[in-house]
Amino acid sequence: EKMNSTMSEEPDALSVVNQLRDLAADPLNRRAIVQDQGCLPGLILFLDHPNPPVVHSALLALRYLAECRANREKMKSELGMMLSLQNVIQKTTTPGETKLLASEVYDILQSSSMSDTDSGNEMNYRRRKAQFFVGSTNKRAKTVVLHIDGLDDSSRRNLCEEALLKIKGVISFTFQMAVQRCVVRIRSDLKAEALATAIASTKVMKAQQVVKSENGEEMLVPFQDTPVEVEQNTDLPEYLPEDESPTKEQDKAVSRVGSHPEGAASWLSTAANFLSRSFYW
């Protein structure tokens, strides 16, 4: 069914931010996106969007971009970045997972400037300020590292993303495609088994947990085969309905982006165009 005309902006904003999130998931694109004139300011504006999935998706994109150390200073000094993250964290209407994700991004960027050149006092002040925002929330989160058999291309990654996003309690995830891994941040009351159940539901992938033994060696631990009841995330509606998902041509363009930086550049200029139309008039 068609959305009414006042809502017609929504799918556009969501599909643009989801495209940016998918581009940012590829480490080869992270520098280019942050260097681009329009993308970072656009993502910051998305943090103020009335539609919760748009905000969450923008935060996931920023989380990916912040993985790249070289991006952190520029991101932190970008106009409105830290303030908008604080707003998301403090807004009473922000869903819990989104708050935790925003504090995680805030924390990464905040600690980026604590280099040795800072004077001790300044550093302590900043650290205290960062803890004011983050300290209380991050105790409620834990990290699970998954090894995912079958995670070998971007369409599988998208399937995996969709499955994880549906679970209430998932805050963020970062893919390491080369080693078939996914690092997931979850609320501490969520069982890691729920992640395995969700990934198994894709029918084409299976997850094992990566744990460190006492002598520091990594081991793969299979999950029990008994599926756990997964609480669906009702705050966040489906990301993209089937009929609005990008055409196959666009999919090809997105998956090619990594190997052809100019492909990313042309897509970024389209995104920047969209962003300037939506926000700056």
C-alpha atoms as a PDB file:
ATOM      1  CA  GLU A   1       0.000   0.000   0.000  1.00  0.00           C
ATOM      2  CA  LYS A   2       1.233   3.469  -0.802  1.00  0.00           C
ATOM      3  CA  MET A   3       2.222   5.831   1.982  1.00  0.00           C
ATOM      4  CA  ASN A   4       0.419   9.163   2.064  1.00  0.00           C
ATOM      5  CA  SER A   5       2.171  12.144   0.548  1.00  0.00           C
ATOM      6  CA  THR A   6       3.436  13.607   3.820  1.00  0.00           C
ATOM      7  CA  MET A   7       5.286  10.363   4.426  1.00  0.00           C
ATOM      8  CA  SER A   8       6.840  10.240   0.978  1.00  0.00           C
ATOM      9  CA  GLU A   9      10.166  11.540   2.330  1.00  0.00           C
ATOM     10  CA  GLU A  10      10.534   8.567   4.686  1.00  0.00           C
ATOM     11  CA  PRO A  11      11.488   5.694   2.381  1.00  0.00           C
ATOM     12  CA  ASP A  12      13.892   8.045   0.619  1.00  0.00           C
ATOM     13  CA  ALA A  13      15.727   9.028   3.776  1.00  0.00           C
ATOM     14  CA  LEU A  14      15.791   5.412   4.941  1.00  0.00           C
ATOM     15  CA  SER A  15      17.054   3.985   1.671  1.00  0.00           C
ATOM     16  CA  VAL A  16      19.767   6.639   1.408  1.00  0.00           C
ATOM     17  CA  VAL A  17      20.972   6.099   4.954  1.00  0.00           C
ATOM     18  CA  ASN A  18      20.847   2.310   4.492  1.00  0.00           C
ATOM     19  CA  GLN A  19      22.948   2.644   1.326  1.00  0.00           C
ATOM     20  CA  LEU A  20      25.480   4.724   3.250  1.00  0.00           C
ATOM     21  CA  ARG A  21      25.486   2.162   6.053  1.00  0.00           C
ATOM     22  CA  ASP A  22      26.158  -0.651   3.556  1.00  0.00           C
ATOM     23  CA  LEU A  23      28.940   1.334   1.875  1.00  0.00           C
ATOM     24  CA  ALA A  24      30.489   2.125   5.264  1.00  0.00           C
ATOM     25  CA  ALA A  25      30.431  -1.588   6.142  1.00  0.00           C
ATOM     26  CA  ASP A  26      33.207  -2.089   3.575  1.00  0.00           C
ATOM     27  CA  PRO A  27      36.526  -0.937   5.087  1.00  0.00           C
ATOM     28  CA  LEU A  28      37.741   0.137   1.628  1.00  0.00           C
ATOM     29  CA  ASN A  29      35.108   2.895   1.495  1.00  0.00           C
ATOM     30  CA  ARG A  30      35.498   4.374   4.965  1.00  0.00           C
ATOM     31  CA  ARG A  31      38.105   7.035   4.163  1.00  0.00           C
ATOM     32  CA  ALA A  32      36.291   8.201   1.031  1.00  0.00           C
ATOM     33  CA  ILE A  33      32.958   8.636   2.807  1.00  0.00           C
ATOM     34  CA  VAL A  34      34.492  10.802   5.549  1.00  0.00           C
ATOM     35  CA  GLN A  35      36.457  12.874   3.003  1.00  0.00           C
ATOM     36  CA  ASP A  36      33.286  13.525   0.978  1.00  0.00           C
ATOM     37  CA  GLN A  37      31.780  17.008   1.433  1.00  0.00           C
ATOM     38  CA  GLY A  38      28.168  15.954   1.903  1.00  0.00           C
ATOM     39  CA  CYS A  39      28.082  12.592   3.621  1.00  0.00           C
ATOM     40  CA  LEU A  40      29.224  13.307   7.161  1.00  0.00           C
ATOM     41  CA  PRO A  41      27.045  16.421   7.545  1.00  0.00           C
ATOM     42  CA  GLY A  42      24.187  14.368   6.072  1.00  0.00           C
ATOM     43  CA  LEU A  43      24.646  11.540   8.559  1.00  0.00           C
ATOM     44  CA  ILE A  44      24.696  14.076  11.402  1.00  0.00           C
ATOM     45  CA  LEU A  45      21.396  15.525  10.164  1.00  0.00           C
ATOM     46  CA  PHE A  46      19.961  12.009  10.039  1.00  0.00           C
ATOM     47  CA  LEU A  47      20.645  11.728  13.791  1.00  0.00           C
ATOM     48  CA  ASP A  48      17.831  14.251  14.246  1.00  0.00           C
ATOM     49  CA  HIS A  49      15.393  12.430  11.970  1.00  0.00           C
ATOM     50  CA  PRO A  50      11.911  11.738  13.406  1.00  0.00           C
ATOM     51  CA  ASN A  51      11.949   8.129  12.129  1.00  0.00           C
ATOM     52  CA  PRO A  52      13.816   5.882  14.657  1.00  0.00           C
ATOM     53  CA  PRO A  53      15.176   3.377  12.060  1.00  0.00           C
ATOM     54  CA  VAL A  54      16.789   6.267  10.159  1.00  0.00           C
ATOM     55  CA  VAL A  55      18.611   7.371  13.312  1.00  0.00           C
ATOM     56  CA  HIS A  56      19.706   3.820  14.129  1.00  0.00           C
ATOM     57  CA  SER A  57      20.964   3.203  10.604  1.00  0.00           C
ATOM     58  CA  ALA A  58      22.890   6.504  10.582  1.00  0.00           C
ATOM     59  CA  LEU A  59      24.534   5.503  13.879  1.00  0.00           C
ATOM     60  CA  LEU A  60      25.532   2.129  12.431  1.00  0.00           C
ATOM     61  CA  ALA A  61      27.120   3.939   9.490  1.00  0.00           C
ATOM     62  CA  LEU A  62      29.020   6.244  11.875  1.00  0.00           C
ATOM     63  CA  ARG A  63      30.050   3.225  13.958  1.00  0.00           C
ATOM     64  CA  TYR A  64      31.590   1.634  10.853  1.00  0.00           C
ATOM     65  CA  LEU A  65      33.317   4.883   9.842  1.00  0.00           C
ATOM     66  CA  ALA A  66      34.805   5.276  13.322  1.00  0.00           C
ATOM     67  CA  GLU A  67      36.419   1.826  13.000  1.00  0.00           C
ATOM     68  CA  CYS A  68      38.985   3.546  10.805  1.00  0.00           C
ATOM     69  CA  ARG A  69      41.351   5.409  13.165  1.00  0.00           C
ATOM     70  CA  ALA A  70      42.313   7.917  10.507  1.00  0.00           C
ATOM     71  CA  ASN A  71      38.678   9.118  10.373  1.00  0.00           C
ATOM     72  CA  ARG A  72      38.159   9.783  14.058  1.00  0.00           C
ATOM     73  CA  GLU A  73      39.585  13.281  14.468  1.00  0.00           C
ATOM     74  CA  LYS A  74      37.698  14.621  11.448  1.00  0.00           C
ATOM     75  CA  MET A  75      34.483  12.987  12.590  1.00  0.00           C
ATOM     76  CA  LYS A  76      34.827  14.353  16.101  1.00  0.00           C
ATOM     77  CA  SER A  77      35.438  17.918  14.910  1.00  0.00           C
ATOM     78  CA  GLU A  78      32.628  17.827  12.296  1.00  0.00           C
ATOM     79  CA  LEU A  79      30.065  20.516  13.132  1.00  0.00           C
ATOM     80  CA  GLY A  80      27.259  19.137  15.289  1.00  0.00           C
ATOM     81  CA  MET A  81      28.621  15.591  15.564  1.00  0.00           C
ATOM     82  CA  MET A  82      29.256  15.322  19.312  1.00  0.00           C
ATOM     83  CA  LEU A  83      26.246  17.468  20.157  1.00  0.00           C
ATOM     84  CA  SER A  84      23.883  15.370  18.058  1.00  0.00           C
ATOM     85  CA  LEU A  85      25.214  12.157  19.618  1.00  0.00           C
ATOM     86  CA  GLN A  86      24.600  13.676  23.067  1.00  0.00           C
ATOM     87  CA  ASN A  87      21.067  14.603  22.030  1.00  0.00           C
ATOM     88  CA  VAL A  88      20.320  11.037  20.933  1.00  0.00           C
ATOM     89  CA  ILE A  89      21.710   9.708  24.238  1.00  0.00           C
ATOM     90  CA  GLN A  90      19.703  12.136  26.354  1.00  0.00           C
ATOM     91  CA  LYS A  91      16.408  12.126  24.454  1.00  0.00           C
ATOM     92  CA  THR A  92      13.851  10.236  26.522  1.00  0.00           C
ATOM     93  CA  THR A  93      12.152   8.865  23.395  1.00  0.00           C
ATOM     94  CA  THR A  94      15.313   7.200  22.033  1.00  0.00           C
ATOM     95  CA  PRO A  95      15.027   3.368  22.081  1.00  0.00           C
ATOM     96  CA  GLY A  96      17.515   1.685  24.454  1.00  0.00           C
ATOM     97  CA  GLU A  97      19.610  -0.030  21.785  1.00  0.00           C
ATOM     98  CA  THR A  98      19.945   3.228  19.888  1.00  0.00           C
ATOM     99  CA  LYS A  99      21.101   5.022  23.058  1.00  0.00           C
ATOM    100  CA  LEU A 100      23.756   2.405  23.688  1.00  0.00           C
ATOM    101  CA  LEU A 101      24.948   2.588  20.097  1.00  0.00           C
ATOM    102  CA  ALA A 102      25.139   6.394  20.246  1.00  0.00           C
ATOM    103  CA  SER A 103      27.183   6.219  23.487  1.00  0.00           C
ATOM    104  CA  GLU A 104      29.491   3.722  21.849  1.00  0.00           C
ATOM    105  CA  VAL A 105      30.168   6.054  18.899  1.00  0.00           C
ATOM    106  CA  TYR A 106      30.511   9.017  21.281  1.00  0.00           C
ATOM    107  CA  ASP A 107      33.020   7.098  23.361  1.00  0.00           C
ATOM    108  CA  ILE A 108      35.165   6.042  20.393  1.00  0.00           C
ATOM    109  CA  LEU A 109      35.334   9.603  19.046  1.00  0.00           C
ATOM    110  CA  GLN A 110      35.807  11.177  22.463  1.00  0.00           C
ATOM    111  CA  SER A 111      38.789   8.981  23.290  1.00  0.00           C
ATOM    112  CA  SER A 112      40.368   9.583  19.870  1.00  0.00           C
ATOM    113  CA  SER A 113      41.720  12.963  20.943  1.00  0.00           C
ATOM    114  CA  MET A 114      43.262  11.723  24.168  1.00  0.00           C
ATOM    115  CA  SER A 115      46.697  11.603  22.658  1.00  0.00           C
ATOM    116  CA  ASP A 116      49.936  12.033  24.591  1.00  0.00           C
ATOM    117  CA  THR A 117      50.066  15.689  23.646  1.00  0.00           C
ATOM    118  CA  ASP A 118      47.088  16.502  25.886  1.00  0.00           C
ATOM    119  CA  SER A 119      48.014  17.869  29.252  1.00  0.00           C
ATOM    120  CA  GLY A 120      47.064  15.547  32.110  1.00  0.00           C
ATOM    121  CA  ASN A 121      44.324  17.810  33.465  1.00  0.00           C
ATOM    122  CA  GLU A 122      42.656  18.349  30.142  1.00  0.00           C
ATOM    123  CA  MET A 123      42.694  14.614  29.567  1.00  0.00           C
ATOM    124  CA  ASN A 124      41.123  13.830  32.921  1.00  0.00           C
ATOM    125  CA  TYR A 125      38.462  16.429  32.358  1.00  0.00           C
ATOM    126  CA  ARG A 126      37.609  14.948  28.981  1.00  0.00           C
ATOM    127  CA  ARG A 127      37.617  11.442  30.325  1.00  0.00           C
ATOM    128  CA  ARG A 128      35.258  12.419  33.120  1.00  0.00           C
ATOM    129  CA  LYS A 129      32.979  14.132  30.644  1.00  0.00           C
ATOM    130  CA  ALA A 130      32.953  11.062  28.400  1.00  0.00           C
ATOM    131  CA  GLN A 131      32.117   8.860  31.369  1.00  0.00           C
ATOM    132  CA  PHE A 132      29.249  11.111  32.284  1.00  0.00           C
ATOM    133  CA  PHE A 133      27.596  10.094  29.039  1.00  0.00           C
ATOM    134  CA  VAL A 134      28.867   6.622  28.590  1.00  0.00           C
ATOM    135  CA  GLY A 135      29.811   5.104  31.905  1.00  0.00           C
ATOM    136  CA  SER A 136      26.285   4.370  33.008  1.00  0.00           C
ATOM    137  CA  THR A 137      25.144   2.795  29.754  1.00  0.00           C
ATOM    138  CA  ASN A 138      28.084   0.670  28.722  1.00  0.00           C
ATOM    139  CA  LYS A 139      27.887  -1.575  31.780  1.00  0.00           C
ATOM    140  CA  ARG A 140      24.719  -2.837  30.176  1.00  0.00           C
ATOM    141  CA  ALA A 141      26.457  -4.006  27.025  1.00  0.00           C
ATOM    142  CA  LYS A 142      28.735  -6.918  26.119  1.00  0.00           C
ATOM    143  CA  THR A 143      30.627  -7.990  23.007  1.00  0.00           C
ATOM    144  CA  VAL A 144      30.152 -11.339  21.262  1.00  0.00           C
ATOM    145  CA  VAL A 145      32.443 -12.419  18.426  1.00  0.00           C
ATOM    146  CA  LEU A 146      30.836 -14.773  15.920  1.00  0.00           C
ATOM    147  CA  HIS A 147      32.438 -16.883  13.242  1.00  0.00           C
ATOM    148  CA  ILE A 148      29.829 -17.268  10.520  1.00  0.00           C
ATOM    149  CA  ASP A 149      30.077 -20.130   8.035  1.00  0.00           C
ATOM    150  CA  GLY A 150      28.737 -18.948   4.701  1.00  0.00           C
ATOM    151  CA  LEU A 151      29.406 -15.224   5.232  1.00  0.00           C
ATOM    152  CA  ASP A 152      31.195 -14.724   1.961  1.00  0.00           C
ATOM    153  CA  ASP A 153      29.640 -11.881  -0.030  1.00  0.00           C
ATOM    154  CA  SER A 154      27.702  -8.662   0.448  1.00  0.00           C
ATOM    155  CA  SER A 155      24.279 -10.224  -0.117  1.00  0.00           C
ATOM    156  CA  ARG A 156      24.980 -12.733   2.660  1.00  0.00           C
ATOM    157  CA  ARG A 157      26.168  -9.850   4.829  1.00  0.00           C
ATOM    158  CA  ASN A 158      22.878  -8.052   4.191  1.00  0.00           C
ATOM    159  CA  LEU A 159      20.918 -11.180   5.160  1.00  0.00           C
ATOM    160  CA  CYS A 160      22.957 -11.389   8.323  1.00  0.00           C
ATOM    161  CA  GLU A 161      22.353  -7.700   9.100  1.00  0.00           C
ATOM    162  CA  GLU A 162      18.610  -8.095   8.623  1.00  0.00           C
ATOM    163  CA  ALA A 163      18.510 -11.113  10.943  1.00  0.00           C
ATOM    164  CA  LEU A 164      20.509  -9.320  13.658  1.00  0.00           C
ATOM    165  CA  LEU A 165      18.528  -6.081  13.417  1.00  0.00           C
ATOM    166  CA  LYS A 166      15.332  -7.966  14.222  1.00  0.00           C
ATOM    167  CA  ILE A 167      16.603  -9.051  17.636  1.00  0.00           C
ATOM    168  CA  LYS A 168      15.679  -6.864  20.567  1.00  0.00           C
ATOM    169  CA  GLY A 169      18.903  -6.187  22.460  1.00  0.00           C
ATOM    170  CA  VAL A 170      21.343  -5.939  19.546  1.00  0.00           C
ATOM    171  CA  ILE A 171      23.163  -2.591  19.661  1.00  0.00           C
ATOM    172  CA  SER A 172      25.678  -2.712  16.837  1.00  0.00           C
ATOM    173  CA  PHE A 173      27.707  -5.075  14.712  1.00  0.00           C
ATOM    174  CA  THR A 174      30.816  -4.861  12.592  1.00  0.00           C
ATOM    175  CA  PHE A 175      31.660  -7.366   9.890  1.00  0.00           C
ATOM    176  CA  GLN A 176      35.154  -8.662   9.190  1.00  0.00           C
ATOM    177  CA  MET A 177      34.363 -10.289   5.866  1.00  0.00           C
ATOM    178  CA  ALA A 178      37.879 -11.554   5.170  1.00  0.00           C
ATOM    179  CA  VAL A 179      37.751 -13.858   8.191  1.00  0.00           C
ATOM    180  CA  GLN A 180      33.966 -14.509   8.129  1.00  0.00           C
ATOM    181  CA  ARG A 181      33.428 -12.797  11.439  1.00  0.00           C
ATOM    182  CA  CYS A 182      30.911 -10.493  12.967  1.00  0.00           C
ATOM    183  CA  VAL A 183      31.589  -8.574  16.186  1.00  0.00           C
ATOM    184  CA  VAL A 184      28.244  -7.897  17.873  1.00  0.00           C
ATOM    185  CA  ARG A 185      27.545  -5.573  20.790  1.00  0.00           C
ATOM    186  CA  ILE A 186      24.468  -6.689  22.722  1.00  0.00           C
ATOM    187  CA  ARG A 187      22.683  -5.724  25.914  1.00  0.00           C
ATOM    188  CA  SER A 188      24.087  -7.778  28.762  1.00  0.00           C
ATOM    189  CA  ASP A 189      20.740  -9.478  29.420  1.00  0.00           C
ATOM    190  CA  LEU A 190      20.534 -10.927  25.889  1.00  0.00           C
ATOM    191  CA  LYS A 191      21.795 -14.486  25.463  1.00  0.00           C
ATOM    192  CA  ALA A 192      24.384 -14.948  22.725  1.00  0.00           C
ATOM    193  CA  GLU A 193      22.403 -18.028  21.592  1.00  0.00           C
ATOM    194  CA  ALA A 194      19.727 -15.687  20.277  1.00  0.00           C
ATOM    195  CA  LEU A 195      22.256 -14.424  17.708  1.00  0.00           C
ATOM    196  CA  ALA A 196      22.992 -17.966  16.564  1.00  0.00           C
ATOM    197  CA  THR A 197      19.277 -18.724  16.223  1.00  0.00           C
ATOM    198  CA  ALA A 198      18.746 -15.589  14.119  1.00  0.00           C
ATOM    199  CA  ILE A 199      21.676 -16.383  11.831  1.00  0.00           C
ATOM    200  CA  ALA A 200      20.572 -20.005  11.457  1.00  0.00           C
ATOM    201  CA  SER A 201      17.148 -18.692  10.397  1.00  0.00           C
ATOM    202  CA  THR A 202      18.747 -17.392   7.182  1.00  0.00           C
ATOM    203  CA  LYS A 203      19.110 -21.107   6.214  1.00  0.00           C
ATOM    204  CA  VAL A 204      22.416 -20.358   4.438  1.00  0.00           C
ATOM    205  CA  MET A 205      24.660 -19.414   7.358  1.00  0.00           C
ATOM    206  CA  LYS A 206      25.593 -20.868  10.707  1.00  0.00           C
ATOM    207  CA  ALA A 207      27.327 -19.147  13.625  1.00  0.00           C
ATOM    208  CA  GLN A 208      29.877 -20.309  16.168  1.00  0.00           C
ATOM    209  CA  GLN A 209      31.209 -18.201  19.023  1.00  0.00           C
ATOM    210  CA  VAL A 210      34.861 -17.159  19.063  1.00  0.00           C
ATOM    211  CA  VAL A 211      36.262 -17.310  22.601  1.00  0.00           C
ATOM    212  CA  LYS A 212      39.771 -16.940  23.997  1.00  0.00           C
ATOM    213  CA  SER A 213      41.199 -19.798  26.041  1.00  0.00           C
ATOM    214  CA  GLU A 214      43.208 -19.115  29.203  1.00  0.00           C
ATOM    215  CA  ASN A 215      46.491 -19.028  27.286  1.00  0.00           C
ATOM    216  CA  GLY A 216      45.042 -16.475  24.871  1.00  0.00           C
ATOM    217  CA  GLU A 217      44.378 -18.802  21.928  1.00  0.00           C
ATOM    218  CA  GLU A 218      41.135 -18.376  20.029  1.00  0.00           C
ATOM    219  CA  MET A 219      38.710 -21.277  19.896  1.00  0.00           C
ATOM    220  CA  LEU A 220      35.432 -21.780  18.067  1.00  0.00           C
ATOM    221  CA  VAL A 221      32.595 -22.951  20.279  1.00  0.00           C
ATOM    222  CA  PRO A 222      29.439 -24.275  18.607  1.00  0.00           C
ATOM    223  CA  PHE A 223      26.106 -23.077  20.013  1.00  0.00           C
ATOM    224  CA  GLN A 224      23.580 -25.615  21.321  1.00  0.00           C
ATOM    225  CA  ASP A 225      21.255 -26.709  18.552  1.00  0.00           C
ATOM    226  CA  THR A 226      18.153 -25.957  20.577  1.00  0.00           C
ATOM    227  CA  PRO A 227      16.758 -22.713  19.172  1.00  0.00           C
ATOM    228  CA  VAL A 228      16.086 -20.002  21.755  1.00  0.00           C
ATOM    229  CA  GLU A 229      13.022 -17.824  21.730  1.00  0.00           C
ATOM    230  CA  VAL A 230      14.088 -14.516  20.134  1.00  0.00           C
ATOM    231  CA  GLU A 231      12.259 -11.382  21.173  1.00  0.00           C
ATOM    232  CA  GLN A 232      11.523  -9.397  18.040  1.00  0.00           C
ATOM    233  CA  ASN A 233      12.519  -5.773  17.954  1.00  0.00           C
ATOM    234  CA  THR A 234       9.232  -3.893  17.743  1.00  0.00           C
ATOM    235  CA  ASP A 235      10.747  -0.397  18.029  1.00  0.00           C
ATOM    236  CA  LEU A 236      12.354  -0.620  14.651  1.00  0.00           C
ATOM    237  CA  PRO A 237      10.066  -1.387  11.712  1.00  0.00           C
ATOM    238  CA  GLU A 238      11.430  -3.482   8.848  1.00  0.00           C
ATOM    239  CA  TYR A 239      14.333  -1.668   7.227  1.00  0.00           C
ATOM    240  CA  LEU A 240      13.311  -1.770   3.588  1.00  0.00           C
ATOM    241  CA  PRO A 241      10.111  -3.408   2.375  1.00  0.00           C
ATOM    242  CA  GLU A 242      10.811  -5.817  -0.502  1.00  0.00           C
ATOM    243  CA  ASP A 243       9.282  -3.603  -3.172  1.00  0.00           C
ATOM    244  CA  GLU A 244      11.447  -0.658  -2.188  1.00  0.00           C
ATOM    245  CA  SER A 245      14.737  -2.463  -1.931  1.00  0.00           C
ATOM    246  CA  PRO A 246      17.250  -1.116  -4.441  1.00  0.00           C
ATOM    247  CA  THR A 247      17.181  -2.687  -7.874  1.00  0.00           C
ATOM    248  CA  LYS A 248      19.630  -5.437  -8.749  1.00  0.00           C
ATOM    249  CA  GLU A 249      21.642  -2.923 -10.756  1.00  0.00           C
ATOM    250  CA  GLN A 250      22.177  -0.821  -7.653  1.00  0.00           C
ATOM    251  CA  ASP A 251      23.065  -3.915  -5.661  1.00  0.00           C
ATOM    252  CA  LYS A 252      25.756  -4.661  -8.216  1.00  0.00           C
ATOM    253  CA  ALA A 253      26.994  -1.087  -7.989  1.00  0.00           C
ATOM    254  CA  VAL A 254      27.201  -1.268  -4.229  1.00  0.00           C
ATOM    255  CA  SER A 255      29.045  -4.581  -4.159  1.00  0.00           C
ATOM    256  CA  ARG A 256      31.470  -3.323  -6.833  1.00  0.00           C
ATOM    257  CA  VAL A 257      32.186  -0.162  -4.871  1.00  0.00           C
ATOM    258  CA  GLY A 258      35.065  -1.608  -2.867  1.00  0.00           C
ATOM    259  CA  SER A 259      37.132  -2.475  -5.879  1.00  0.00           C
ATOM    260  CA  HIS A 260      36.376   0.739  -7.767  1.00  0.00           C
ATOM    261  CA  PRO A 261      36.716   3.789  -5.551  1.00  0.00           C
ATOM    262  CA  GLU A 262      35.295   5.932  -8.360  1.00  0.00           C
ATOM    263  CA  GLY A 263      32.077   3.902  -8.078  1.00  0.00           C
ATOM    264  CA  ALA A 264      31.849   4.916  -4.444  1.00  0.00           C
ATOM    265  CA  ALA A 265      32.538   8.513  -5.376  1.00  0.00           C
ATOM    266  CA  SER A 266      29.692   8.689  -7.877  1.00  0.00           C
ATOM    267  CA  TRP A 267      27.311   7.064  -5.414  1.00  0.00           C
ATOM    268  CA  LEU A 268      28.421   9.470  -2.704  1.00  0.00           C
ATOM    269  CA  SER A 269      27.713  12.460  -4.892  1.00  0.00           C
ATOM    270  CA  THR A 270      24.178  11.102  -5.492  1.00  0.00           C
ATOM    271  CA  ALA A 271      23.747  10.732  -1.735  1.00  0.00           C
ATOM    272  CA  ALA A 272      25.116  14.222  -1.091  1.00  0.00           C
ATOM    273  CA  ASN A 273      22.692  15.562  -3.711  1.00  0.00           C
ATOM    274  CA  PHE A 274      19.783  13.900  -1.997  1.00  0.00           C
ATOM    275  CA  LEU A 275      20.916  15.184   1.384  1.00  0.00           C
ATOM    276  CA  SER A 276      21.228  18.766   0.229  1.00  0.00           C
ATOM    277  CA  ARG A 277      17.746  18.625  -1.386  1.00  0.00           C
ATOM    278  CA  SER A 278      16.193  17.221   1.781  1.00  0.00           C
ATOM    279  CA  PHE A 279      17.777  19.327   4.425  1.00  0.00           C
ATOM    280  CA  TYR A 280      19.132  22.593   3.196  1.00  0.00           C
ATOM    281  CA  TRP A 281      16.181  24.417   1.734  1.00  0.00           C
END
